[in-house]
PDB file of all heavy atoms in Angstrom:
ATOM      1  N   ALA A   1     -10.423   6.182 -21.345  1.00  0.00           N
ATOM      2  CA  ALA A   1     -11.832   6.585 -21.347  1.00  0.00           C
ATOM      3  C   ALA A   1     -12.513   6.173 -20.043  1.00  0.00           C
ATOM      4  O   ALA A   1     -13.325   6.922 -19.487  1.00  0.00           O
ATOM      5  CB  ALA A   1     -12.550   5.956 -22.541  1.00  0.00           C
ATOM      6  N   TYR A   2     -12.183   4.994 -19.552  1.00  0.00           N
ATOM      7  CA  TYR A   2     -12.725   4.512 -18.274  1.00  0.00           C
ATOM      8  C   TYR A   2     -12.333   5.446 -17.130  1.00  0.00           C
ATOM      9  O   TYR A   2     -13.163   5.827 -16.297  1.00  0.00           O
ATOM     10  CB  TYR A   2     -12.199   3.098 -18.019  1.00  0.00           C
ATOM     11  CG  TYR A   2     -12.565   2.495 -16.687  1.00  0.00           C
ATOM     12  CD1 TYR A   2     -13.723   1.740 -16.542  1.00  0.00           C
ATOM     13  CD2 TYR A   2     -11.742   2.661 -15.574  1.00  0.00           C
ATOM     14  CE1 TYR A   2     -14.056   1.175 -15.318  1.00  0.00           C
ATOM     15  CE2 TYR A   2     -12.070   2.101 -14.350  1.00  0.00           C
ATOM     16  CZ  TYR A   2     -13.221   1.361 -14.233  1.00  0.00           C
ATOM     17  OH  TYR A   2     -13.544   0.805 -13.017  1.00  0.00           O
ATOM     18  N   ALA A   3     -11.063   5.841 -17.089  1.00  0.00           N
ATOM     19  CA  ALA A   3     -10.582   6.735 -16.032  1.00  0.00           C
ATOM     20  C   ALA A   3     -11.266   8.099 -16.104  1.00  0.00           C
ATOM     21  O   ALA A   3     -11.665   8.669 -15.075  1.00  0.00           O
ATOM     22  CB  ALA A   3      -9.064   6.894 -16.134  1.00  0.00           C
ATOM     23  N   ALA A   4     -11.420   8.622 -17.316  1.00  0.00           N
ATOM     24  CA  ALA A   4     -12.079   9.918 -17.469  1.00  0.00           C
ATOM     25  C   ALA A   4     -13.531   9.862 -16.996  1.00  0.00           C
ATOM     26  O   ALA A   4     -14.023  10.777 -16.323  1.00  0.00           O
ATOM     27  CB  ALA A   4     -12.021  10.356 -18.943  1.00  0.00           C
ATOM     28  N   ALA A   5     -14.215   8.779 -17.318  1.00  0.00           N
ATOM     29  CA  ALA A   5     -15.622   8.643 -16.943  1.00  0.00           C
ATOM     30  C   ALA A   5     -15.792   8.599 -15.432  1.00  0.00           C
ATOM     31  O   ALA A   5     -16.675   9.276 -14.865  1.00  0.00           O
ATOM     32  CB  ALA A   5     -16.205   7.372 -17.574  1.00  0.00           C
ATOM     33  N   TYR A   6     -14.956   7.830 -14.742  1.00  0.00           N
ATOM     34  CA  TYR A   6     -15.132   7.689 -13.296  1.00  0.00           C
ATOM     35  C   TYR A   6     -14.533   8.849 -12.512  1.00  0.00           C
ATOM     36  O   TYR A   6     -14.883   9.051 -11.353  1.00  0.00           O
ATOM     37  CB  TYR A   6     -14.605   6.333 -12.822  1.00  0.00           C
ATOM     38  CG  TYR A   6     -15.619   5.259 -13.114  1.00  0.00           C
ATOM     39  CD1 TYR A   6     -15.466   4.410 -14.212  1.00  0.00           C
ATOM     40  CD2 TYR A   6     -16.762   5.145 -12.342  1.00  0.00           C
ATOM     41  CE1 TYR A   6     -16.424   3.458 -14.506  1.00  0.00           C
ATOM     42  CE2 TYR A   6     -17.728   4.191 -12.632  1.00  0.00           C
ATOM     43  CZ  TYR A   6     -17.559   3.356 -13.707  1.00  0.00           C
ATOM     44  OH  TYR A   6     -18.527   2.429 -13.997  1.00  0.00           O
ATOM     45  N   LEU A   7     -13.667   9.624 -13.155  1.00  0.00           N
ATOM     46  CA  LEU A   7     -13.261  10.887 -12.539  1.00  0.00           C
ATOM     47  C   LEU A   7     -14.466  11.813 -12.436  1.00  0.00           C
ATOM     48  O   LEU A   7     -14.721  12.424 -11.384  1.00  0.00           O
ATOM     49  CB  LEU A   7     -12.150  11.546 -13.360  1.00  0.00           C
ATOM     50  CG  LEU A   7     -11.721  12.942 -12.903  1.00  0.00           C
ATOM     51  CD1 LEU A   7     -11.186  12.911 -11.476  1.00  0.00           C
ATOM     52  CD2 LEU A   7     -10.687  13.529 -13.859  1.00  0.00           C
ATOM     53  N   VAL A   8     -15.231  11.902 -13.510  1.00  0.00           N
ATOM     54  CA  VAL A   8     -16.464  12.696 -13.503  1.00  0.00           C
ATOM     55  C   VAL A   8     -17.446  12.118 -12.484  1.00  0.00           C
ATOM     56  O   VAL A   8     -18.049  12.845 -11.678  1.00  0.00           O
ATOM     57  CB  VAL A   8     -17.098  12.722 -14.908  1.00  0.00           C
ATOM     58  CG1 VAL A   8     -18.485  13.365 -14.865  1.00  0.00           C
ATOM     59  CG2 VAL A   8     -16.195  13.473 -15.878  1.00  0.00           C
ATOM     60  N   GLY A   9     -17.604  10.800 -12.482  1.00  0.00           N
ATOM     61  CA  GLY A   9     -18.527  10.160 -11.555  1.00  0.00           C
ATOM     62  C   GLY A   9     -18.163  10.383 -10.103  1.00  0.00           C
ATOM     63  O   GLY A   9     -19.035  10.656  -9.260  1.00  0.00           O
ATOM     64  N   ALA A  10     -16.876  10.277  -9.784  1.00  0.00           N
ATOM     65  CA  ALA A  10     -16.430  10.472  -8.400  1.00  0.00           C
ATOM     66  C   ALA A  10     -16.700  11.895  -7.925  1.00  0.00           C
ATOM     67  O   ALA A  10     -17.163  12.106  -6.794  1.00  0.00           O
ATOM     68  CB  ALA A  10     -14.942  10.142  -8.282  1.00  0.00           C
ATOM     69  N   CYS A  11     -16.408  12.858  -8.775  1.00  0.00           N
ATOM     70  CA  CYS A  11     -16.630  14.260  -8.393  1.00  0.00           C
ATOM     71  C   CYS A  11     -18.112  14.544  -8.148  1.00  0.00           C
ATOM     72  O   CYS A  11     -18.484  15.181  -7.157  1.00  0.00           O
ATOM     73  CB  CYS A  11     -16.083  15.188  -9.478  1.00  0.00           C
ATOM     74  SG  CYS A  11     -14.283  15.176  -9.644  1.00  0.00           S
ATOM     75  N   ILE A  12     -18.958  14.057  -9.052  1.00  0.00           N
ATOM     76  CA  ILE A  12     -20.391  14.326  -8.912  1.00  0.00           C
ATOM     77  C   ILE A  12     -20.963  13.587  -7.706  1.00  0.00           C
ATOM     78  O   ILE A  12     -21.685  14.180  -6.889  1.00  0.00           O
ATOM     79  CB  ILE A  12     -21.143  13.916 -10.194  1.00  0.00           C
ATOM     80  CG1 ILE A  12     -20.693  14.767 -11.371  1.00  0.00           C
ATOM     81  CG2 ILE A  12     -22.655  14.053  -9.993  1.00  0.00           C
ATOM     82  CD1 ILE A  12     -21.299  14.350 -12.704  1.00  0.00           C
ATOM     83  N   SER A  13     -20.681  12.292  -7.587  1.00  0.00           N
ATOM     84  CA  SER A  13     -21.293  11.501  -6.519  1.00  0.00           C
ATOM     85  C   SER A  13     -20.839  11.989  -5.149  1.00  0.00           C
ATOM     86  O   SER A  13     -21.653  12.056  -4.205  1.00  0.00           O
ATOM     87  CB  SER A  13     -20.959  10.017  -6.694  1.00  0.00           C
ATOM     88  OG  SER A  13     -19.565   9.797  -6.693  1.00  0.00           O
ATOM     89  N   TYR A  14     -19.570  12.357  -5.007  1.00  0.00           N
ATOM     90  CA  TYR A  14     -19.085  12.847  -3.711  1.00  0.00           C
ATOM     91  C   TYR A  14     -19.751  14.164  -3.337  1.00  0.00           C
ATOM     92  O   TYR A  14     -20.226  14.347  -2.198  1.00  0.00           O
ATOM     93  CB  TYR A  14     -17.565  13.018  -3.743  1.00  0.00           C
ATOM     94  CG  TYR A  14     -16.984  13.422  -2.398  1.00  0.00           C
ATOM     95  CD1 TYR A  14     -16.594  12.458  -1.486  1.00  0.00           C
ATOM     96  CD2 TYR A  14     -16.847  14.761  -2.048  1.00  0.00           C
ATOM     97  CE1 TYR A  14     -16.069  12.817  -0.241  1.00  0.00           C
ATOM     98  CE2 TYR A  14     -16.339  15.131  -0.812  1.00  0.00           C
ATOM     99  CZ  TYR A  14     -15.942  14.158   0.076  1.00  0.00           C
ATOM    100  OH  TYR A  14     -15.439  14.519   1.306  1.00  0.00           O
ATOM    101  N   SER A  15     -19.805  15.082  -4.281  1.00  0.00           N
ATOM    102  CA  SER A  15     -20.354  16.403  -3.972  1.00  0.00           C
ATOM    103  C   SER A  15     -21.855  16.336  -3.675  1.00  0.00           C
ATOM    104  O   SER A  15     -22.345  16.997  -2.750  1.00  0.00           O
ATOM    105  CB  SER A  15     -20.085  17.370  -5.129  1.00  0.00           C
ATOM    106  OG  SER A  15     -20.682  16.911  -6.327  1.00  0.00           O
ATOM    107  N   VAL A  16     -22.595  15.512  -4.422  1.00  0.00           N
ATOM    108  CA  VAL A  16     -24.040  15.403  -4.197  1.00  0.00           C
ATOM    109  C   VAL A  16     -24.329  14.722  -2.861  1.00  0.00           C
ATOM    110  O   VAL A  16     -25.188  15.172  -2.087  1.00  0.00           O
ATOM    111  CB  VAL A  16     -24.710  14.634  -5.355  1.00  0.00           C
ATOM    112  CG1 VAL A  16     -26.179  14.362  -5.037  1.00  0.00           C
ATOM    113  CG2 VAL A  16     -24.591  15.420  -6.657  1.00  0.00           C
ATOM    114  N   LEU A  17     -23.637  13.635  -2.559  1.00  0.00           N
ATOM    115  CA  LEU A  17     -23.867  12.942  -1.289  1.00  0.00           C
ATOM    116  C   LEU A  17     -23.436  13.802  -0.106  1.00  0.00           C
ATOM    117  O   LEU A  17     -24.109  13.810   0.937  1.00  0.00           O
ATOM    118  CB  LEU A  17     -23.109  11.610  -1.271  1.00  0.00           C
ATOM    119  CG  LEU A  17     -23.366  10.730  -0.048  1.00  0.00           C
ATOM    120  CD1 LEU A  17     -24.838  10.331   0.033  1.00  0.00           C
ATOM    121  CD2 LEU A  17     -22.477   9.480  -0.081  1.00  0.00           C
ATOM    122  N   ARG A  18     -22.351  14.514  -0.272  1.00  0.00           N
ATOM    123  CA  ARG A  18     -21.893  15.402   0.799  1.00  0.00           C
ATOM    124  C   ARG A  18     -22.958  16.454   1.122  1.00  0.00           C
ATOM    125  O   ARG A  18     -23.240  16.728   2.290  1.00  0.00           O
ATOM    126  CB  ARG A  18     -20.589  16.089   0.373  1.00  0.00           C
ATOM    127  CG  ARG A  18     -20.031  17.076   1.385  1.00  0.00           C
ATOM    128  CD  ARG A  18     -18.888  17.860   0.763  1.00  0.00           C
ATOM    129  NE  ARG A  18     -18.384  18.876   1.672  1.00  0.00           N
ATOM    130  CZ  ARG A  18     -17.656  19.913   1.303  1.00  0.00           C
ATOM    131  NH1 ARG A  18     -17.357  20.080   0.021  1.00  0.00           N
ATOM    132  NH2 ARG A  18     -17.233  20.792   2.182  1.00  0.00           N
ATOM    133  N   ARG A  19     -23.548  17.011   0.095  1.00  0.00           N
ATOM    134  CA  ARG A  19     -24.593  18.003   0.316  1.00  0.00           C
ATOM    135  C   ARG A  19     -25.827  17.383   0.971  1.00  0.00           C
ATOM    136  O   ARG A  19     -26.445  17.977   1.854  1.00  0.00           O
ATOM    137  CB  ARG A  19     -24.961  18.662  -1.012  1.00  0.00           C
ATOM    138  CG  ARG A  19     -25.966  19.812  -0.866  1.00  0.00           C
ATOM    139  CD  ARG A  19     -26.118  20.615  -2.140  1.00  0.00           C
ATOM    140  NE  ARG A  19     -26.621  19.834  -3.246  1.00  0.00           N
ATOM    141  CZ  ARG A  19     -25.899  19.467  -4.306  1.00  0.00           C
ATOM    142  NH1 ARG A  19     -24.618  19.812  -4.388  1.00  0.00           N
ATOM    143  NH2 ARG A  19     -26.434  18.753  -5.286  1.00  0.00           N
ATOM    144  N   HIS A  20     -26.161  16.183   0.576  1.00  0.00           N
ATOM    145  CA  HIS A  20     -27.348  15.514   1.111  1.00  0.00           C
ATOM    146  C   HIS A  20     -27.169  15.155   2.587  1.00  0.00           C
ATOM    147  O   HIS A  20     -28.113  15.284   3.383  1.00  0.00           O
ATOM    148  CB  HIS A  20     -27.652  14.256   0.307  1.00  0.00           C
ATOM    149  CG  HIS A  20     -28.954  13.609   0.674  1.00  0.00           C
ATOM    150  ND1 HIS A  20     -30.147  13.960   0.080  1.00  0.00           N
ATOM    151  CD2 HIS A  20     -29.254  12.651   1.589  1.00  0.00           C
ATOM    152  CE1 HIS A  20     -31.131  13.251   0.610  1.00  0.00           C
ATOM    153  NE2 HIS A  20     -30.618  12.441   1.525  1.00  0.00           N
ATOM    154  N   LEU A  21     -25.969  14.710   2.959  1.00  0.00           N
ATOM    155  CA  LEU A  21     -25.728  14.283   4.342  1.00  0.00           C
ATOM    156  C   LEU A  21     -25.319  15.434   5.251  1.00  0.00           C
ATOM    157  O   LEU A  21     -25.242  15.268   6.471  1.00  0.00           O
ATOM    158  CB  LEU A  21     -24.635  13.210   4.373  1.00  0.00           C
ATOM    159  CG  LEU A  21     -24.954  11.875   3.702  1.00  0.00           C
ATOM    160  CD1 LEU A  21     -23.740  10.948   3.768  1.00  0.00           C
ATOM    161  CD2 LEU A  21     -26.165  11.210   4.348  1.00  0.00           C
ATOM    162  N   GLY A  22     -25.037  16.578   4.665  1.00  0.00           N
ATOM    163  CA  GLY A  22     -24.570  17.697   5.478  1.00  0.00           C
ATOM    164  C   GLY A  22     -23.086  17.643   5.765  1.00  0.00           C
ATOM    165  O   GLY A  22     -22.583  18.318   6.671  1.00  0.00           O
ATOM    166  N   GLY A  23     -22.363  16.847   4.984  1.00  0.00           N
ATOM    167  CA  GLY A  23     -20.912  16.741   5.158  1.00  0.00           C
ATOM    168  C   GLY A  23     -20.434  15.317   5.042  1.00  0.00           C
ATOM    169  O   GLY A  23     -21.185  14.365   5.301  1.00  0.00           O
ATOM    170  N   LEU A  24     -19.183  15.140   4.632  1.00  0.00           N
ATOM    171  CA  LEU A  24     -18.546  13.823   4.560  1.00  0.00           C
ATOM    172  C   LEU A  24     -17.150  13.878   5.178  1.00  0.00           C
ATOM    173  O   LEU A  24     -16.250  13.160   4.735  1.00  0.00           O
ATOM    174  CB  LEU A  24     -18.461  13.349   3.101  1.00  0.00           C
ATOM    175  CG  LEU A  24     -19.665  12.589   2.554  1.00  0.00           C
ATOM    176  CD1 LEU A  24     -19.530  12.376   1.045  1.00  0.00           C
ATOM    177  CD2 LEU A  24     -19.838  11.242   3.251  1.00  0.00           C
ATOM    178  N   HIS A  25     -16.998  14.731   6.204  1.00  0.00           N
ATOM    179  CA  HIS A  25     -15.698  14.881   6.869  1.00  0.00           C
ATOM    180  C   HIS A  25     -14.614  15.222   5.852  1.00  0.00           C
ATOM    181  O   HIS A  25     -13.502  14.666   5.875  1.00  0.00           O
ATOM    182  CB  HIS A  25     -15.326  13.610   7.638  1.00  0.00           C
ATOM    183  CG  HIS A  25     -16.314  13.256   8.720  1.00  0.00           C
ATOM    184  ND1 HIS A  25     -16.148  13.662  10.034  1.00  0.00           N
ATOM    185  CD2 HIS A  25     -17.474  12.568   8.687  1.00  0.00           C
ATOM    186  CE1 HIS A  25     -17.169  13.213  10.763  1.00  0.00           C
ATOM    187  NE2 HIS A  25     -17.990  12.557   9.961  1.00  0.00           N
ATOM    188  N   THR A  26     -14.940  16.159   4.957  1.00  0.00           N
ATOM    189  CA  THR A  26     -14.014  16.528   3.885  1.00  0.00           C
ATOM    190  C   THR A  26     -12.682  17.066   4.397  1.00  0.00           C
ATOM    191  O   THR A  26     -11.626  16.703   3.855  1.00  0.00           O
ATOM    192  CB  THR A  26     -14.681  17.539   2.938  1.00  0.00           C
ATOM    193  OG1 THR A  26     -15.881  16.959   2.409  1.00  0.00           O
ATOM    194  CG2 THR A  26     -13.753  17.902   1.790  1.00  0.00           C
ATOM    195  N   PRO A  27     -12.645  17.940   5.431  1.00  0.00           N
ATOM    196  CA  PRO A  27     -11.336  18.389   5.928  1.00  0.00           C
ATOM    197  C   PRO A  27     -10.443  17.231   6.368  1.00  0.00           C
ATOM    198  O   PRO A  27      -9.233  17.232   6.087  1.00  0.00           O
ATOM    199  CB  PRO A  27     -11.711  19.291   7.112  1.00  0.00           C
ATOM    200  CG  PRO A  27     -13.076  19.790   6.783  1.00  0.00           C
ATOM    201  CD  PRO A  27     -13.753  18.646   6.116  1.00  0.00           C
ATOM    202  N   THR A  28     -11.043  16.233   7.026  1.00  0.00           N
ATOM    203  CA  THR A  28     -10.271  15.052   7.432  1.00  0.00           C
ATOM    204  C   THR A  28      -9.760  14.301   6.215  1.00  0.00           C
ATOM    205  O   THR A  28      -8.608  13.840   6.189  1.00  0.00           O
ATOM    206  CB  THR A  28     -11.138  14.128   8.301  1.00  0.00           C
ATOM    207  OG1 THR A  28     -11.624  14.848   9.438  1.00  0.00           O
ATOM    208  CG2 THR A  28     -10.349  12.918   8.775  1.00  0.00           C
ATOM    209  N   LEU A  29     -10.617  14.174   5.196  1.00  0.00           N
ATOM    210  CA  LEU A  29     -10.218  13.481   3.974  1.00  0.00           C
ATOM    211  C   LEU A  29      -9.092  14.224   3.266  1.00  0.00           C
ATOM    212  O   LEU A  29      -8.143  13.601   2.763  1.00  0.00           O
ATOM    213  CB  LEU A  29     -11.421  13.341   3.043  1.00  0.00           C
ATOM    214  CG  LEU A  29     -11.153  12.678   1.687  1.00  0.00           C
ATOM    215  CD1 LEU A  29     -10.666  11.250   1.875  1.00  0.00           C
ATOM    216  CD2 LEU A  29     -12.406  12.714   0.811  1.00  0.00           C
ATOM    217  N   VAL A  30      -9.163  15.552   3.222  1.00  0.00           N
ATOM    218  CA  VAL A  30      -8.118  16.343   2.566  1.00  0.00           C
ATOM    219  C   VAL A  30      -6.785  16.177   3.289  1.00  0.00           C
ATOM    220  O   VAL A  30      -5.742  15.989   2.656  1.00  0.00           O
ATOM    221  CB  VAL A  30      -8.527  17.823   2.499  1.00  0.00           C
ATOM    222  CG1 VAL A  30      -7.355  18.682   2.025  1.00  0.00           C
ATOM    223  CG2 VAL A  30      -9.730  18.000   1.564  1.00  0.00           C
ATOM    224  N   ARG A  31      -6.818  16.252   4.628  1.00  0.00           N
ATOM    225  CA  ARG A  31      -5.580  16.067   5.390  1.00  0.00           C
ATOM    226  C   ARG A  31      -5.010  14.668   5.157  1.00  0.00           C
ATOM    227  O   ARG A  31      -3.792  14.500   4.994  1.00  0.00           O
ATOM    228  CB  ARG A  31      -5.845  16.290   6.883  1.00  0.00           C
ATOM    229  CG  ARG A  31      -6.112  17.746   7.246  1.00  0.00           C
ATOM    230  CD  ARG A  31      -6.057  17.950   8.749  1.00  0.00           C
ATOM    231  NE  ARG A  31      -7.136  17.229   9.441  1.00  0.00           N
ATOM    232  CZ  ARG A  31      -8.326  17.740   9.698  1.00  0.00           C
ATOM    233  NH1 ARG A  31      -8.619  18.972   9.290  1.00  0.00           N
ATOM    234  NH2 ARG A  31      -9.239  17.026  10.327  1.00  0.00           N
ATOM    235  N   PHE A  32      -5.889  13.682   5.120  1.00  0.00           N
ATOM    236  CA  PHE A  32      -5.447  12.314   4.835  1.00  0.00           C
ATOM    237  C   PHE A  32      -4.838  12.229   3.439  1.00  0.00           C
ATOM    238  O   PHE A  32      -3.781  11.618   3.242  1.00  0.00           O
ATOM    239  CB  PHE A  32      -6.637  11.355   4.953  1.00  0.00           C
ATOM    240  CG  PHE A  32      -6.437  10.044   4.251  1.00  0.00           C
ATOM    241  CD1 PHE A  32      -5.694   9.035   4.839  1.00  0.00           C
ATOM    242  CD2 PHE A  32      -6.996   9.820   2.992  1.00  0.00           C
ATOM    243  CE1 PHE A  32      -5.505   7.827   4.181  1.00  0.00           C
ATOM    244  CE2 PHE A  32      -6.815   8.611   2.334  1.00  0.00           C
ATOM    245  CZ  PHE A  32      -6.067   7.607   2.929  1.00  0.00           C
ATOM    246  N   ALA A  33      -5.505  12.844   2.448  1.00  0.00           N
ATOM    247  CA  ALA A  33      -5.040  12.764   1.068  1.00  0.00           C
ATOM    248  C   ALA A  33      -3.666  13.404   0.900  1.00  0.00           C
ATOM    249  O   ALA A  33      -2.800  12.865   0.191  1.00  0.00           O
ATOM    250  CB  ALA A  33      -6.053  13.422   0.134  1.00  0.00           C
ATOM    251  N   VAL A  34      -3.439  14.541   1.558  1.00  0.00           N
ATOM    252  CA  VAL A  34      -2.139  15.225   1.455  1.00  0.00           C
ATOM    253  C   VAL A  34      -1.035  14.328   2.012  1.00  0.00           C
ATOM    254  O   VAL A  34       0.023  14.146   1.390  1.00  0.00           O
ATOM    255  CB  VAL A  34      -2.182  16.574   2.187  1.00  0.00           C
ATOM    256  CG1 VAL A  34      -0.775  17.168   2.295  1.00  0.00           C
ATOM    257  CG2 VAL A  34      -3.114  17.543   1.469  1.00  0.00           C
ATOM    258  N   ARG A  35      -1.278  13.770   3.194  1.00  0.00           N
ATOM    259  CA  ARG A  35      -0.266  12.886   3.790  1.00  0.00           C
ATOM    260  C   ARG A  35      -0.079  11.612   2.978  1.00  0.00           C
ATOM    261  O   ARG A  35       1.040  11.109   2.818  1.00  0.00           O
ATOM    262  CB  ARG A  35      -0.673  12.537   5.224  1.00  0.00           C
ATOM    263  CG  ARG A  35      -0.508  13.703   6.210  1.00  0.00           C
ATOM    264  CD  ARG A  35      -0.978  13.330   7.608  1.00  0.00           C
ATOM    265  NE  ARG A  35      -2.427  13.163   7.635  1.00  0.00           N
ATOM    266  CZ  ARG A  35      -3.059  12.232   8.344  1.00  0.00           C
ATOM    267  NH1 ARG A  35      -2.373  11.368   9.062  1.00  0.00           N
ATOM    268  NH2 ARG A  35      -4.373  12.150   8.331  1.00  0.00           N
ATOM    269  N   MET A  36      -1.180  11.109   2.417  1.00  0.00           N
ATOM    270  CA  MET A  36      -1.107   9.891   1.618  1.00  0.00           C
ATOM    271  C   MET A  36      -0.301  10.116   0.345  1.00  0.00           C
ATOM    272  O   MET A  36       0.544   9.293  -0.039  1.00  0.00           O
ATOM    273  CB  MET A  36      -2.526   9.446   1.275  1.00  0.00           C
ATOM    274  CG  MET A  36      -2.645   8.023   0.762  1.00  0.00           C
ATOM    275  SD  MET A  36      -2.386   6.816   2.071  1.00  0.00           S
ATOM    276  CE  MET A  36      -1.391   5.622   1.185  1.00  0.00           C
TER     277      MET A  36
END
């Protein structure tokens, strides 16, 4: 239940902050995540 809750939280908080700041270097994060 804890994991499910923070999965929702991570998705919402990242997307809202990204929109507010005009970006969070998402392409860089995706490339990092794939290699990781």
